[in-house]
Amino acid sequence: MTLSPGVPMDFTYVPIVTDSSSTLGEQVVTALAEAISTNVSRMPIEQRELVHAAAASAHFPLFLLKKLKSFWNRTGIDRTLIVPSFAAMAAKAQAIGARDALTGPARGRYRTVNDKAQRNCVRTTTFTASTLWSRMIAEATTTLPMA
């Protein structure tokens, strides 16, 4: 978890994974972790590095939001219409698993994208981008282990 300046952080439920090369070090690190979080695990460094890499991938939606900023500015779409969807999707994925949280074209239902594009007279470039994006998501969900 990365801290952001000026944004308060409550670590109560944030997972903390520890490892140490000595018994004393493990005791100290575990005591500190348990003082701020109720979700503390010990793992060997090899596993901890994998957990860190997986957790870092959780930043991808934030990267998308950053990229969408120019789109919102260009189109005049109020970001408050979109940003809550990200929070809702994360909550849904936590509740039922990422694979089941996916909907429509992200589950490989390309016809959904085509129907919407035709119904809404969406430009071809938007349709193509949406289809490609949906295929990337569908491929990722079939090749990566998901909860």
C-alpha atoms as a PDB file:
ATOM      1  CA  MET A   1       0.000   0.000   0.000  1.00  0.00           C
ATOM      2  CA  THR A   2       1.383   3.380  -0.946  1.00  0.00           C
ATOM      3  CA  LEU A   3       0.667   6.372   1.210  1.00  0.00           C
ATOM      4  CA  SER A   4      -0.482   9.584  -0.404  1.00  0.00           C
ATOM      5  CA  PRO A   5       0.462  12.954   1.127  1.00  0.00           C
ATOM      6  CA  GLY A   6      -2.472  14.667   2.782  1.00  0.00           C
ATOM      7  CA  VAL A   7      -4.768  11.625   2.584  1.00  0.00           C
ATOM      8  CA  PRO A   8      -5.509  10.049   5.980  1.00  0.00           C
ATOM      9  CA  MET A   9      -5.005   6.285   6.082  1.00  0.00           C
ATOM     10  CA  ASP A  10      -6.657   3.777   8.388  1.00  0.00           C
ATOM     11  CA  PHE A  11      -4.631   0.551   8.374  1.00  0.00           C
ATOM     12  CA  THR A  12      -7.089  -1.424  10.510  1.00  0.00           C
ATOM     13  CA  TYR A  13      -8.101  -3.781   7.683  1.00  0.00           C
ATOM     14  CA  VAL A  14      -5.152  -3.288   5.323  1.00  0.00           C
ATOM     15  CA  PRO A  15      -3.259  -6.561   4.849  1.00  0.00           C
ATOM     16  CA  ILE A  16       0.324  -6.359   6.072  1.00  0.00           C
ATOM     17  CA  VAL A  17       2.733  -9.115   5.072  1.00  0.00           C
ATOM     18  CA  THR A  18       5.944  -9.465   7.056  1.00  0.00           C
ATOM     19  CA  ASP A  19       9.197 -11.370   6.830  1.00  0.00           C
ATOM     20  CA  SER A  20      12.466 -11.143   8.701  1.00  0.00           C
ATOM     21  CA  SER A  21      15.832 -12.848   8.764  1.00  0.00           C
ATOM     22  CA  SER A  22      15.890 -13.106  12.562  1.00  0.00           C
ATOM     23  CA  THR A  23      13.525 -14.122  15.354  1.00  0.00           C
ATOM     24  CA  LEU A  24      13.895 -10.766  17.111  1.00  0.00           C
ATOM     25  CA  GLY A  25      13.302  -8.884  13.866  1.00  0.00           C
ATOM     26  CA  GLU A  26      10.162 -10.932  13.205  1.00  0.00           C
ATOM     27  CA  GLN A  27       8.861 -10.258  16.721  1.00  0.00           C
ATOM     28  CA  VAL A  28       9.406  -6.509  16.387  1.00  0.00           C
ATOM     29  CA  VAL A  29       7.946  -6.265  12.883  1.00  0.00           C
ATOM     30  CA  THR A  30       4.945  -8.431  13.807  1.00  0.00           C
ATOM     31  CA  ALA A  31       4.236  -6.376  16.943  1.00  0.00           C
ATOM     32  CA  LEU A  32       4.336  -3.147  14.929  1.00  0.00           C
ATOM     33  CA  ALA A  33       2.134  -4.589  12.166  1.00  0.00           C
ATOM     34  CA  GLU A  34      -0.411  -5.967  14.654  1.00  0.00           C
ATOM     35  CA  ALA A  35      -0.523  -2.591  16.428  1.00  0.00           C
ATOM     36  CA  ILE A  36      -1.972  -0.971  13.298  1.00  0.00           C
ATOM     37  CA  SER A  37      -3.718  -3.785  11.378  1.00  0.00           C
ATOM     38  CA  THR A  38      -5.967  -6.722  12.152  1.00  0.00           C
ATOM     39  CA  ASN A  39      -4.822  -8.467   8.967  1.00  0.00           C
ATOM     40  CA  VAL A  40      -1.171  -9.501   9.430  1.00  0.00           C
ATOM     41  CA  SER A  41       0.497 -12.476   7.719  1.00  0.00           C
ATOM     42  CA  ARG A  42       4.053 -13.774   7.706  1.00  0.00           C
ATOM     43  CA  MET A  43       5.490 -15.078   4.443  1.00  0.00           C
ATOM     44  CA  PRO A  44       8.922 -15.949   3.125  1.00  0.00           C
ATOM     45  CA  ILE A  45      10.387 -13.186   0.980  1.00  0.00           C
ATOM     46  CA  GLU A  46       9.704 -15.062  -2.281  1.00  0.00           C
ATOM     47  CA  GLN A  47       5.967 -15.200  -1.551  1.00  0.00           C
ATOM     48  CA  ARG A  48       5.907 -11.658  -0.179  1.00  0.00           C
ATOM     49  CA  GLU A  49       7.432 -10.378  -3.428  1.00  0.00           C
ATOM     50  CA  LEU A  50       4.668 -12.117  -5.399  1.00  0.00           C
ATOM     51  CA  VAL A  51       2.007 -10.573  -3.155  1.00  0.00           C
ATOM     52  CA  HIS A  52       3.621  -7.163  -3.669  1.00  0.00           C
ATOM     53  CA  ALA A  53       3.628  -7.581  -7.443  1.00  0.00           C
ATOM     54  CA  ALA A  54      -0.025  -8.626  -7.416  1.00  0.00           C
ATOM     55  CA  ALA A  55      -0.953  -5.704  -5.154  1.00  0.00           C
ATOM     56  CA  ALA A  56       0.891  -3.278  -7.439  1.00  0.00           C
ATOM     57  CA  SER A  57      -1.320  -4.385 -10.323  1.00  0.00           C
ATOM     58  CA  ALA A  58      -4.271  -3.021  -8.354  1.00  0.00           C
ATOM     59  CA  HIS A  59      -3.022   0.426  -9.424  1.00  0.00           C
ATOM     60  CA  PHE A  60      -4.175  -0.265 -12.989  1.00  0.00           C
ATOM     61  CA  PRO A  61      -7.656   1.238 -12.438  1.00  0.00           C
ATOM     62  CA  LEU A  62      -5.981   4.374 -11.077  1.00  0.00           C
ATOM     63  CA  PHE A  63      -3.839   4.559 -14.205  1.00  0.00           C
ATOM     64  CA  LEU A  64      -7.027   4.307 -16.286  1.00  0.00           C
ATOM     65  CA  LEU A  65      -8.651   7.097 -14.295  1.00  0.00           C
ATOM     66  CA  LYS A  66      -5.601   9.261 -14.912  1.00  0.00           C
ATOM     67  CA  LYS A  67      -5.821   8.565 -18.646  1.00  0.00           C
ATOM     68  CA  LEU A  68      -9.572   9.247 -18.635  1.00  0.00           C
ATOM     69  CA  LYS A  69      -8.990  12.742 -17.229  1.00  0.00           C
ATOM     70  CA  SER A  70      -8.118  14.140 -20.665  1.00  0.00           C
ATOM     71  CA  PHE A  71     -11.187  12.434 -22.120  1.00  0.00           C
ATOM     72  CA  TRP A  72     -13.387  14.012 -19.449  1.00  0.00           C
ATOM     73  CA  ASN A  73     -11.835  17.416 -20.028  1.00  0.00           C
ATOM     74  CA  ARG A  74     -12.300  17.119 -23.789  1.00  0.00           C
ATOM     75  CA  THR A  75     -15.906  15.919 -23.643  1.00  0.00           C
ATOM     76  CA  GLY A  76     -17.105  17.850 -20.607  1.00  0.00           C
ATOM     77  CA  ILE A  77     -18.245  14.656 -18.871  1.00  0.00           C
ATOM     78  CA  ASP A  78     -18.348  15.124 -15.110  1.00  0.00           C
ATOM     79  CA  ARG A  79     -15.945  12.613 -13.575  1.00  0.00           C
ATOM     80  CA  THR A  80     -18.291  12.096 -10.630  1.00  0.00           C
ATOM     81  CA  LEU A  81     -20.519  10.199 -13.042  1.00  0.00           C
ATOM     82  CA  ILE A  82     -17.793   7.608 -13.649  1.00  0.00           C
ATOM     83  CA  VAL A  83     -15.488   7.430 -10.612  1.00  0.00           C
ATOM     84  CA  PRO A  84     -18.076   5.801  -8.282  1.00  0.00           C
ATOM     85  CA  SER A  85     -18.264   2.914 -10.764  1.00  0.00           C
ATOM     86  CA  PHE A  86     -14.664   2.025  -9.964  1.00  0.00           C
ATOM     87  CA  ALA A  87     -15.437   1.803  -6.244  1.00  0.00           C
ATOM     88  CA  ALA A  88     -18.564  -0.247  -6.952  1.00  0.00           C
ATOM     89  CA  MET A  89     -16.645  -2.634  -9.230  1.00  0.00           C
ATOM     90  CA  ALA A  90     -13.954  -3.165  -6.588  1.00  0.00           C
ATOM     91  CA  ALA A  91     -16.578  -3.908  -3.933  1.00  0.00           C
ATOM     92  CA  LYS A  92     -18.389  -6.301  -6.276  1.00  0.00           C
ATOM     93  CA  ALA A  93     -15.149  -8.115  -7.144  1.00  0.00           C
ATOM     94  CA  GLN A  94     -14.330  -8.479  -3.468  1.00  0.00           C
ATOM     95  CA  ALA A  95     -17.795  -9.859  -2.734  1.00  0.00           C
ATOM     96  CA  ILE A  96     -18.199 -12.336  -5.617  1.00  0.00           C
ATOM     97  CA  GLY A  97     -14.768 -12.610  -7.262  1.00  0.00           C
ATOM     98  CA  ALA A  98     -13.304 -10.770 -10.235  1.00  0.00           C
ATOM     99  CA  ARG A  99     -14.443 -13.246 -12.885  1.00  0.00           C
ATOM    100  CA  ASP A 100     -18.092 -13.103 -11.766  1.00  0.00           C
ATOM    101  CA  ALA A 101     -17.960  -9.319 -11.335  1.00  0.00           C
ATOM    102  CA  LEU A 102     -17.196  -8.817 -15.029  1.00  0.00           C
ATOM    103  CA  THR A 103     -20.196  -7.958 -17.180  1.00  0.00           C
ATOM    104  CA  GLY A 104     -21.113  -7.714 -20.855  1.00  0.00           C
ATOM    105  CA  PRO A 105     -18.227  -7.445 -23.295  1.00  0.00           C
ATOM    106  CA  ALA A 106     -15.614  -7.933 -20.577  1.00  0.00           C
ATOM    107  CA  ARG A 107     -16.910 -11.496 -20.235  1.00  0.00           C
ATOM    108  CA  GLY A 108     -16.383 -12.050 -23.948  1.00  0.00           C
ATOM    109  CA  ARG A 109     -19.853 -10.977 -25.006  1.00  0.00           C
ATOM    110  CA  TYR A 110     -18.723  -8.935 -27.994  1.00  0.00           C
ATOM    111  CA  ARG A 111     -22.250  -8.905 -29.389  1.00  0.00           C
ATOM    112  CA  THR A 112     -23.207  -6.641 -26.466  1.00  0.00           C
ATOM    113  CA  VAL A 113     -20.685  -4.036 -27.631  1.00  0.00           C
ATOM    114  CA  ASN A 114     -21.851  -4.343 -31.244  1.00  0.00           C
ATOM    115  CA  ASP A 115     -25.529  -3.983 -30.266  1.00  0.00           C
ATOM    116  CA  LYS A 116     -24.827  -0.926 -28.135  1.00  0.00           C
ATOM    117  CA  ALA A 117     -22.654   0.627 -30.823  1.00  0.00           C
ATOM    118  CA  GLN A 118     -25.333   0.204 -33.463  1.00  0.00           C
ATOM    119  CA  ARG A 119     -28.163   1.311 -31.172  1.00  0.00           C
ATOM    120  CA  ASN A 120     -26.332   4.434 -30.071  1.00  0.00           C
ATOM    121  CA  CYS A 121     -24.747   5.193 -33.469  1.00  0.00           C
ATOM    122  CA  VAL A 122     -21.308   5.157 -31.865  1.00  0.00           C
ATOM    123  CA  ARG A 123     -18.448   6.046 -34.168  1.00  0.00           C
ATOM    124  CA  THR A 124     -16.449   3.142 -35.582  1.00  0.00           C
ATOM    125  CA  THR A 125     -13.268   4.122 -33.712  1.00  0.00           C
ATOM    126  CA  THR A 126     -15.084   4.010 -30.385  1.00  0.00           C
ATOM    127  CA  PHE A 127     -16.625   0.655 -31.258  1.00  0.00           C
ATOM    128  CA  THR A 128     -13.235  -0.744 -32.305  1.00  0.00           C
ATOM    129  CA  ALA A 129     -11.504   0.516 -29.165  1.00  0.00           C
ATOM    130  CA  SER A 130     -14.270  -0.879 -26.976  1.00  0.00           C
ATOM    131  CA  THR A 131     -14.126  -4.258 -28.702  1.00  0.00           C
ATOM    132  CA  LEU A 132     -10.331  -4.461 -28.415  1.00  0.00           C
ATOM    133  CA  TRP A 133     -10.467  -3.430 -24.765  1.00  0.00           C
ATOM    134  CA  SER A 134     -13.151  -6.040 -24.060  1.00  0.00           C
ATOM    135  CA  ARG A 135     -11.103  -8.755 -25.745  1.00  0.00           C
ATOM    136  CA  MET A 136      -8.045  -7.810 -23.663  1.00  0.00           C
ATOM    137  CA  ILE A 137     -10.081  -8.074 -20.467  1.00  0.00           C
ATOM    138  CA  ALA A 138     -11.627 -11.369 -21.535  1.00  0.00           C
ATOM    139  CA  GLU A 139      -8.204 -12.780 -22.401  1.00  0.00           C
ATOM    140  CA  ALA A 140      -6.755 -11.658 -19.075  1.00  0.00           C
ATOM    141  CA  THR A 141      -9.591 -13.280 -17.166  1.00  0.00           C
ATOM    142  CA  THR A 142      -9.100 -16.604 -18.891  1.00  0.00           C
ATOM    143  CA  THR A 143      -5.306 -16.705 -18.613  1.00  0.00           C
ATOM    144  CA  LEU A 144      -4.814 -15.382 -15.074  1.00  0.00           C
ATOM    145  CA  PRO A 145      -5.939 -17.192 -11.938  1.00  0.00           C
ATOM    146  CA  MET A 146      -8.763 -15.160 -10.392  1.00  0.00           C
ATOM    147  CA  ALA A 147     -10.800 -15.474  -7.240  1.00  0.00           C
END
